Each structure stands twice: as C-alpha cells, then as structure tokens.
PDB file of N, CA and C in Angstrom:
ATOM      1  N   MET A   1       7.927   2.052 -27.902  1.00  0.00           N
ATOM      2  CA  MET A   1       7.134   1.878 -26.676  1.00  0.00           C
ATOM      3  C   MET A   1       6.253   3.098 -26.445  1.00  0.00           C
ATOM      4  N   ALA A   2       5.066   2.842 -25.964  1.00  0.00           N
ATOM      5  CA  ALA A   2       4.117   3.941 -25.708  1.00  0.00           C
ATOM      6  C   ALA A   2       4.690   4.859 -24.632  1.00  0.00           C
ATOM      7  N   THR A   3       4.280   6.119 -24.680  1.00  0.00           N
ATOM      8  CA  THR A   3       4.708   6.991 -23.595  1.00  0.00           C
ATOM      9  C   THR A   3       4.024   6.529 -22.326  1.00  0.00           C
ATOM     10  N   ASN A   4       4.810   6.382 -21.282  1.00  0.00           N
ATOM     11  CA  ASN A   4       4.262   5.790 -20.074  1.00  0.00           C
ATOM     12  C   ASN A   4       3.672   6.837 -19.114  1.00  0.00           C
ATOM     13  N   ASN A   5       3.875   8.116 -19.408  1.00  0.00           N
ATOM     14  CA  ASN A   5       3.357   9.136 -18.509  1.00  0.00           C
ATOM     15  C   ASN A   5       1.871   8.969 -18.267  1.00  0.00           C
ATOM     16  N   GLU A   6       1.122   8.851 -19.343  1.00  0.00           N
ATOM     17  CA  GLU A   6      -0.335   8.709 -19.222  1.00  0.00           C
ATOM     18  C   GLU A   6      -0.664   7.435 -18.466  1.00  0.00           C
ATOM     19  N   ALA A   7       0.032   6.358 -18.821  1.00  0.00           N
ATOM     20  CA  ALA A   7      -0.221   5.062 -18.187  1.00  0.00           C
ATOM     21  C   ALA A   7       0.002   5.161 -16.686  1.00  0.00           C
ATOM     22  N   VAL A   8       1.145   5.758 -16.311  1.00  0.00           N
ATOM     23  CA  VAL A   8       1.503   5.871 -14.902  1.00  0.00           C
ATOM     24  C   VAL A   8       0.429   6.629 -14.111  1.00  0.00           C
ATOM     25  N   VAL A   9       0.033   7.754 -14.629  1.00  0.00           N
ATOM     26  CA  VAL A   9      -0.941   8.580 -13.937  1.00  0.00           C
ATOM     27  C   VAL A   9      -2.275   7.861 -13.848  1.00  0.00           C
ATOM     28  N   GLU A  10      -2.709   7.248 -14.931  1.00  0.00           N
ATOM     29  CA  GLU A  10      -3.990   6.576 -14.929  1.00  0.00           C
ATOM     30  C   GLU A  10      -3.985   5.356 -14.016  1.00  0.00           C
ATOM     31  N   ILE A  11      -2.908   4.605 -14.016  1.00  0.00           N
ATOM     32  CA  ILE A  11      -2.797   3.418 -13.145  1.00  0.00           C
ATOM     33  C   ILE A  11      -2.855   3.859 -11.681  1.00  0.00           C
ATOM     34  N   ALA A  12      -2.078   4.884 -11.319  1.00  0.00           N
ATOM     35  CA  ALA A  12      -2.046   5.358  -9.921  1.00  0.00           C
ATOM     36  C   ALA A  12      -3.404   5.907  -9.510  1.00  0.00           C
ATOM     37  N   GLN A  13      -4.049   6.633 -10.404  1.00  0.00           N
ATOM     38  CA  GLN A  13      -5.359   7.218 -10.074  1.00  0.00           C
ATOM     39  C   GLN A  13      -6.380   6.100  -9.890  1.00  0.00           C
ATOM     40  N   THR A  14      -6.349   5.119 -10.733  1.00  0.00           N
ATOM     41  CA  THR A  14      -7.292   3.997 -10.660  1.00  0.00           C
ATOM     42  C   THR A  14      -7.048   3.235  -9.373  1.00  0.00           C
ATOM     43  N   ALA A  15      -5.803   2.929  -9.073  1.00  0.00           N
ATOM     44  CA  ALA A  15      -5.465   2.184  -7.858  1.00  0.00           C
ATOM     45  C   ALA A  15      -5.881   2.964  -6.606  1.00  0.00           C
ATOM     46  N   GLY A  16      -5.764   4.276  -6.686  1.00  0.00           N
ATOM     47  CA  GLY A  16      -6.098   5.117  -5.538  1.00  0.00           C
ATOM     48  C   GLY A  16      -7.548   5.110  -5.135  1.00  0.00           C
ATOM     49  N   LYS A  17      -8.409   4.616  -6.022  1.00  0.00           N
ATOM     50  CA  LYS A  17      -9.820   4.559  -5.712  1.00  0.00           C
ATOM     51  C   LYS A  17     -10.164   3.397  -4.785  1.00  0.00           C
ATOM     52  N   TYR A  18      -9.205   2.500  -4.588  1.00  0.00           N
ATOM     53  CA  TYR A  18      -9.486   1.289  -3.812  1.00  0.00           C
ATOM     54  C   TYR A  18      -8.731   1.300  -2.473  1.00  0.00           C
ATOM     55  N   THR A  19      -9.307   0.646  -1.489  1.00  0.00           N
ATOM     56  CA  THR A  19      -8.640   0.562  -0.205  1.00  0.00           C
ATOM     57  C   THR A  19      -7.654  -0.585  -0.151  1.00  0.00           C
ATOM     58  N   SER A  20      -7.817  -1.542  -1.068  1.00  0.00           N
ATOM     59  CA  SER A  20      -6.915  -2.696  -1.088  1.00  0.00           C
ATOM     60  C   SER A  20      -5.471  -2.278  -1.307  1.00  0.00           C
ATOM     61  N   SER A  21      -4.564  -3.090  -0.822  1.00  0.00           N
ATOM     62  CA  SER A  21      -3.151  -2.916  -1.116  1.00  0.00           C
ATOM     63  C   SER A  21      -2.904  -3.459  -2.499  1.00  0.00           C
ATOM     64  N   ILE A  22      -2.339  -2.646  -3.374  1.00  0.00           N
ATOM     65  CA  ILE A  22      -2.078  -3.077  -4.752  1.00  0.00           C
ATOM     66  C   ILE A  22      -0.576  -2.879  -4.995  1.00  0.00           C
ATOM     67  N   VAL A  23       0.098  -4.015  -5.169  1.00  0.00           N
ATOM     68  CA  VAL A  23       1.570  -3.979  -5.292  1.00  0.00           C
ATOM     69  C   VAL A  23       1.964  -4.612  -6.625  1.00  0.00           C
ATOM     70  N   LEU A  24       2.873  -3.945  -7.294  1.00  0.00           N
ATOM     71  CA  LEU A  24       3.372  -4.423  -8.565  1.00  0.00           C
ATOM     72  C   LEU A  24       4.751  -5.045  -8.353  1.00  0.00           C
ATOM     73  N   GLN A  25       4.929  -6.271  -8.840  1.00  0.00           N
ATOM     74  CA  GLN A  25       6.247  -6.895  -8.742  1.00  0.00           C
ATOM     75  C   GLN A  25       6.869  -6.850 -10.130  1.00  0.00           C
ATOM     76  N   ALA A  26       8.078  -6.309 -10.182  1.00  0.00           N
ATOM     77  CA  ALA A  26       8.795  -6.190 -11.432  1.00  0.00           C
ATOM     78  C   ALA A  26      10.289  -6.352 -11.169  1.00  0.00           C
ATOM     79  N   ASP A  27      10.896  -7.307 -11.838  1.00  0.00           N
ATOM     80  CA  ASP A  27      12.358  -7.512 -11.635  1.00  0.00           C
ATOM     81  C   ASP A  27      12.734  -7.593 -10.152  1.00  0.00           C
ATOM     82  N   ASN A  28      12.032  -8.375  -9.381  1.00  0.00           N
ATOM     83  CA  ASN A  28      12.319  -8.542  -7.961  1.00  0.00           C
ATOM     84  C   ASN A  28      12.177  -7.272  -7.109  1.00  0.00           C
ATOM     85  N   LYS A  29      11.485  -6.287  -7.666  1.00  0.00           N
ATOM     86  CA  LYS A  29      11.193  -5.089  -6.875  1.00  0.00           C
ATOM     87  C   LYS A  29       9.685  -5.065  -6.653  1.00  0.00           C
ATOM     88  N   TYR A  30       9.291  -4.496  -5.509  1.00  0.00           N
ATOM     89  CA  TYR A  30       7.877  -4.350  -5.226  1.00  0.00           C
ATOM     90  C   TYR A  30       7.542  -2.874  -5.154  1.00  0.00           C
ATOM     91  N   ILE A  31       6.538  -2.479  -5.911  1.00  0.00           N
ATOM     92  CA  ILE A  31       6.183  -1.076  -5.995  1.00  0.00           C
ATOM     93  C   ILE A  31       4.699  -0.904  -5.652  1.00  0.00           C
ATOM     94  N   ASP A  32       4.425   0.073  -4.799  1.00  0.00           N
ATOM     95  CA  ASP A  32       3.045   0.402  -4.490  1.00  0.00           C
ATOM     96  C   ASP A  32       2.479   1.080  -5.733  1.00  0.00           C
ATOM     97  N   VAL A  33       1.413   0.495  -6.285  1.00  0.00           N
ATOM     98  CA  VAL A  33       0.856   1.008  -7.536  1.00  0.00           C
ATOM     99  C   VAL A  33       0.230   2.402  -7.346  1.00  0.00           C
ATOM    100  N   LYS A  34      -0.029   2.763  -6.108  1.00  0.00           N
ATOM    101  CA  LYS A  34      -0.581   4.092  -5.845  1.00  0.00           C
ATOM    102  C   LYS A  34       0.490   5.157  -5.842  1.00  0.00           C
ATOM    103  N   SER A  35       1.742   4.759  -5.967  1.00  0.00           N
ATOM    104  CA  SER A  35       2.873   5.698  -5.979  1.00  0.00           C
ATOM    105  C   SER A  35       3.290   6.017  -7.404  1.00  0.00           C
ATOM    106  N   ILE A  36       3.022   7.238  -7.831  1.00  0.00           N
ATOM    107  CA  ILE A  36       3.361   7.660  -9.191  1.00  0.00           C
ATOM    108  C   ILE A  36       4.866   7.562  -9.427  1.00  0.00           C
ATOM    109  N   LEU A  37       5.639   8.016  -8.453  1.00  0.00           N
ATOM    110  CA  LEU A  37       7.084   7.979  -8.611  1.00  0.00           C
ATOM    111  C   LEU A  37       7.601   6.553  -8.777  1.00  0.00           C
ATOM    112  N   GLY A  38       7.109   5.659  -7.943  1.00  0.00           N
ATOM    113  CA  GLY A  38       7.517   4.273  -8.035  1.00  0.00           C
ATOM    114  C   GLY A  38       7.203   3.665  -9.401  1.00  0.00           C
ATOM    115  N   LEU A  39       6.006   3.985  -9.900  1.00  0.00           N
ATOM    116  CA  LEU A  39       5.588   3.479 -11.204  1.00  0.00           C
ATOM    117  C   LEU A  39       6.466   4.031 -12.310  1.00  0.00           C
ATOM    118  N   PHE A  40       6.769   5.328 -12.251  1.00  0.00           N
ATOM    119  CA  PHE A  40       7.593   5.928 -13.297  1.00  0.00           C
ATOM    120  C   PHE A  40       8.914   5.191 -13.485  1.00  0.00           C
ATOM    121  N   THR A  41       9.593   4.905 -12.371  1.00  0.00           N
ATOM    122  CA  THR A  41      10.897   4.289 -12.475  1.00  0.00           C
ATOM    123  C   THR A  41      10.796   2.838 -12.933  1.00  0.00           C
ATOM    124  N   THR A  42       9.659   2.201 -12.661  1.00  0.00           N
ATOM    125  CA  THR A  42       9.512   0.787 -12.983  1.00  0.00           C
ATOM    126  C   THR A  42       8.996   0.528 -14.383  1.00  0.00           C
ATOM    127  N   LEU A  43       7.976   1.251 -14.793  1.00  0.00           N
ATOM    128  CA  LEU A  43       7.357   0.988 -16.086  1.00  0.00           C
ATOM    129  C   LEU A  43       8.301   1.224 -17.241  1.00  0.00           C
ATOM    130  N   VAL A  44       9.326   2.012 -17.010  1.00  0.00           N
ATOM    131  CA  VAL A  44      10.261   2.328 -18.060  1.00  0.00           C
ATOM    132  C   VAL A  44      11.166   1.128 -18.391  1.00  0.00           C
ATOM    133  N   ASN A  45      11.593   0.422 -17.366  1.00  0.00           N
ATOM    134  CA  ASN A  45      12.660  -0.573 -17.580  1.00  0.00           C
ATOM    135  C   ASN A  45      12.207  -2.019 -17.627  1.00  0.00           C
ATOM    136  N   THR A  46      10.939  -2.272 -17.404  1.00  0.00           N
ATOM    137  CA  THR A  46      10.498  -3.648 -17.271  1.00  0.00           C
ATOM    138  C   THR A  46       9.427  -3.972 -18.275  1.00  0.00           C
ATOM    139  N   LYS A  47       9.386  -5.218 -18.713  1.00  0.00           N
ATOM    140  CA  LYS A  47       8.428  -5.617 -19.716  1.00  0.00           C
ATOM    141  C   LYS A  47       7.290  -6.447 -19.163  1.00  0.00           C
ATOM    142  N   SER A  48       7.526  -7.168 -18.087  1.00  0.00           N
ATOM    143  CA  SER A  48       6.436  -7.971 -17.568  1.00  0.00           C
ATOM    144  C   SER A  48       6.270  -7.703 -16.079  1.00  0.00           C
ATOM    145  N   TYR A  49       5.016  -7.727 -15.656  1.00  0.00           N
ATOM    146  CA  TYR A  49       4.685  -7.276 -14.307  1.00  0.00           C
ATOM    147  C   TYR A  49       3.762  -8.311 -13.657  1.00  0.00           C
ATOM    148  N   GLU A  50       3.866  -8.383 -12.333  1.00  0.00           N
ATOM    149  CA  GLU A  50       2.910  -9.193 -11.599  1.00  0.00           C
ATOM    150  C   GLU A  50       2.220  -8.288 -10.602  1.00  0.00           C
ATOM    151  N   LEU A  51       0.920  -8.461 -10.470  1.00  0.00           N
ATOM    152  CA  LEU A  51       0.125  -7.620  -9.600  1.00  0.00           C
ATOM    153  C   LEU A  51      -0.337  -8.437  -8.395  1.00  0.00           C
ATOM    154  N   HIS A  52      -0.071  -7.914  -7.193  1.00  0.00           N
ATOM    155  CA  HIS A  52      -0.524  -8.582  -5.958  1.00  0.00           C
ATOM    156  C   HIS A  52      -1.533  -7.636  -5.312  1.00  0.00           C
ATOM    157  N   VAL A  53      -2.773  -8.123  -5.136  1.00  0.00           N
ATOM    158  CA  VAL A  53      -3.814  -7.268  -4.583  1.00  0.00           C
ATOM    159  C   VAL A  53      -4.419  -7.955  -3.349  1.00  0.00           C
ATOM    160  N   HIS A  54      -4.451  -7.218  -2.240  1.00  0.00           N
ATOM    161  CA  HIS A  54      -5.046  -7.741  -0.985  1.00  0.00           C
ATOM    162  C   HIS A  54      -5.956  -6.694  -0.411  1.00  0.00           C
ATOM    163  N   GLY A  55      -7.145  -7.093   0.023  1.00  0.00           N
ATOM    164  CA  GLY A  55      -7.996  -6.157   0.706  1.00  0.00           C
ATOM    165  C   GLY A  55      -9.462  -6.405   0.439  1.00  0.00           C
ATOM    166  N   PRO A  56     -10.287  -5.580   1.051  1.00  0.00           N
ATOM    167  CA  PRO A  56     -11.764  -5.780   0.978  1.00  0.00           C
ATOM    168  C   PRO A  56     -12.327  -5.611  -0.410  1.00  0.00           C
ATOM    169  N   ASP A  57     -11.704  -4.779  -1.242  1.00  0.00           N
ATOM    170  CA  ASP A  57     -12.249  -4.587  -2.613  1.00  0.00           C
ATOM    171  C   ASP A  57     -11.249  -5.106  -3.657  1.00  0.00           C
ATOM    172  N   ALA A  58     -10.553  -6.159  -3.294  1.00  0.00           N
ATOM    173  CA  ALA A  58      -9.476  -6.677  -4.167  1.00  0.00           C
ATOM    174  C   ALA A  58      -9.977  -7.078  -5.549  1.00  0.00           C
ATOM    175  N   GLU A  59     -11.139  -7.748  -5.606  1.00  0.00           N
ATOM    176  CA  GLU A  59     -11.644  -8.205  -6.920  1.00  0.00           C
ATOM    177  C   GLU A  59     -11.855  -7.034  -7.871  1.00  0.00           C
ATOM    178  N   GLU A  60     -12.539  -6.001  -7.388  1.00  0.00           N
ATOM    179  CA  GLU A  60     -12.803  -4.837  -8.217  1.00  0.00           C
ATOM    180  C   GLU A  60     -11.484  -4.134  -8.591  1.00  0.00           C
ATOM    181  N   ALA A  61     -10.590  -4.047  -7.617  1.00  0.00           N
ATOM    182  CA  ALA A  61      -9.324  -3.373  -7.856  1.00  0.00           C
ATOM    183  C   ALA A  61      -8.511  -4.088  -8.928  1.00  0.00           C
ATOM    184  N   LYS A  62      -8.445  -5.439  -8.824  1.00  0.00           N
ATOM    185  CA  LYS A  62      -7.706  -6.222  -9.829  1.00  0.00           C
ATOM    186  C   LYS A  62      -8.252  -5.969 -11.217  1.00  0.00           C
ATOM    187  N   LYS A  63      -9.549  -5.997 -11.343  1.00  0.00           N
ATOM    188  CA  LYS A  63     -10.187  -5.824 -12.653  1.00  0.00           C
ATOM    189  C   LYS A  63      -9.864  -4.439 -13.222  1.00  0.00           C
ATOM    190  N   ALA A  64     -10.056  -3.419 -12.410  1.00  0.00           N
ATOM    191  CA  ALA A  64      -9.876  -2.052 -12.889  1.00  0.00           C
ATOM    192  C   ALA A  64      -8.416  -1.767 -13.267  1.00  0.00           C
ATOM    193  N   VAL A  65      -7.507  -2.190 -12.414  1.00  0.00           N
ATOM    194  CA  VAL A  65      -6.089  -1.893 -12.649  1.00  0.00           C
ATOM    195  C   VAL A  65      -5.558  -2.694 -13.857  1.00  0.00           C
ATOM    196  N   THR A  66      -5.946  -3.960 -13.981  1.00  0.00           N
ATOM    197  CA  THR A  66      -5.484  -4.737 -15.141  1.00  0.00           C
ATOM    198  C   THR A  66      -6.046  -4.159 -16.440  1.00  0.00           C
ATOM    199  N   GLU A  67      -7.258  -3.625 -16.392  1.00  0.00           N
ATOM    200  CA  GLU A  67      -7.807  -2.993 -17.603  1.00  0.00           C
ATOM    201  C   GLU A  67      -6.991  -1.796 -18.040  1.00  0.00           C
ATOM    202  N   VAL A  68      -6.511  -1.009 -17.072  1.00  0.00           N
ATOM    203  CA  VAL A  68      -5.710   0.162 -17.414  1.00  0.00           C
ATOM    204  C   VAL A  68      -4.355  -0.280 -18.000  1.00  0.00           C
ATOM    205  N   PHE A  69      -3.758  -1.333 -17.399  1.00  0.00           N
ATOM    206  CA  PHE A  69      -2.493  -1.864 -17.952  1.00  0.00           C
ATOM    207  C   PHE A  69      -2.708  -2.287 -19.396  1.00  0.00           C
ATOM    208  N   ALA A  70      -3.780  -3.056 -19.642  1.00  0.00           N
ATOM    209  CA  ALA A  70      -4.047  -3.587 -20.983  1.00  0.00           C
ATOM    210  C   ALA A  70      -4.285  -2.426 -21.973  1.00  0.00           C
ATOM    211  N   LYS A  71      -5.009  -1.424 -21.528  1.00  0.00           N
ATOM    212  CA  LYS A  71      -5.322  -0.279 -22.395  1.00  0.00           C
ATOM    213  C   LYS A  71      -4.031   0.375 -22.888  1.00  0.00           C
ATOM    214  N   HIS A  72      -3.007   0.384 -22.052  1.00  0.00           N
ATOM    215  CA  HIS A  72      -1.735   1.013 -22.431  1.00  0.00           C
ATOM    216  C   HIS A  72      -0.727   0.010 -22.991  1.00  0.00           C
ATOM    217  N   GLY A  73      -1.188  -1.190 -23.258  1.00  0.00           N
ATOM    218  CA  GLY A  73      -0.328  -2.191 -23.885  1.00  0.00           C
ATOM    219  C   GLY A  73       0.748  -2.758 -22.941  1.00  0.00           C
ATOM    220  N   LEU A  74       0.449  -2.731 -21.645  1.00  0.00           N
ATOM    221  CA  LEU A  74       1.412  -3.283 -20.669  1.00  0.00           C
ATOM    222  C   LEU A  74       0.953  -4.666 -20.268  1.00  0.00           C
ATOM    223  N   ASP A  75       1.872  -5.584 -20.221  1.00  0.00           N
ATOM    224  CA  ASP A  75       1.561  -6.955 -19.912  1.00  0.00           C
ATOM    225  C   ASP A  75       1.628  -7.206 -18.422  1.00  0.00           C
ATOM    226  N   VAL A  76       0.513  -7.449 -17.799  1.00  0.00           N
ATOM    227  CA  VAL A  76       0.478  -7.673 -16.347  1.00  0.00           C
ATOM    228  C   VAL A  76      -0.224  -8.969 -16.054  1.00  0.00           C
ATOM    229  N   LYS A  77       0.300  -9.682 -15.058  1.00  0.00           N
ATOM    230  CA  LYS A  77      -0.310 -10.936 -14.630  1.00  0.00           C
ATOM    231  C   LYS A  77      -0.735 -10.789 -13.186  1.00  0.00           C
ATOM    232  N   VAL A  78      -2.003 -11.056 -12.907  1.00  0.00           N
ATOM    233  CA  VAL A  78      -2.455 -10.974 -11.532  1.00  0.00           C
ATOM    234  C   VAL A  78      -2.097 -12.285 -10.839  1.00  0.00           C
ATOM    235  N   VAL A  79      -1.443 -12.171  -9.710  1.00  0.00           N
ATOM    236  CA  VAL A  79      -1.014 -13.339  -8.958  1.00  0.00           C
ATOM    237  C   VAL A  79      -2.112 -13.761  -8.008  1.00  0.00           C
ATOM    238  N   ALA A  80      -2.585 -14.965  -8.168  1.00  0.00           N
ATOM    239  CA  ALA A  80      -3.616 -15.489  -7.281  1.00  0.00           C
ATOM    240  C   ALA A  80      -2.958 -15.850  -5.966  1.00  0.00           C
ATOM    241  N   GLU A  81      -3.490 -15.327  -4.905  1.00  0.00           N
ATOM    242  CA  GLU A  81      -2.894 -15.572  -3.580  1.00  0.00           C
ATOM    243  C   GLU A  81      -3.418 -16.869  -3.003  1.00  0.00           C
TER     244      GLU A  81
END
C-alpha cells in the first residue's frame, strides 16, 4: 500500500480550499476530510470510501478531492445527495 502521509496531507489541503462540508464515510465512521488526524486514522484501515459534499462550491470540491484520492490510488465514491 502506498504511504498515506502524502495522500492525507494533500487531501486535507485540497479540501481546505473549499467552503463546502466534505465528509468521508468509511466503515460506518464519518470523518471531516479537512481533519488531517481523522484522515490518518481512517485511510490506514479502510479500502473503500464514500464522499459526501454539501455547500456552495460542492461541484468543484468533489472534483478536486476525488482527483487527489485517485492520484494516490485510493478508491472513493462520491455519493449523490
């Protein structure tokens, strides 16, 4: 598995550029993607993720964050609300 440190930092930094709420669902846990600590504990143990994005810039945020996940080989599915 790829080292997740880079992925975690890049995902959190990318998410932080948006005002939308960006929440990752993994194994029945919900993690604020802007929280580096939350991501660290989650990306290590889980293989599939669902992304919930709400807010004024949700479309841009979804695109940017999913691109970072894909770049690091992480499988994420954006949940259509």
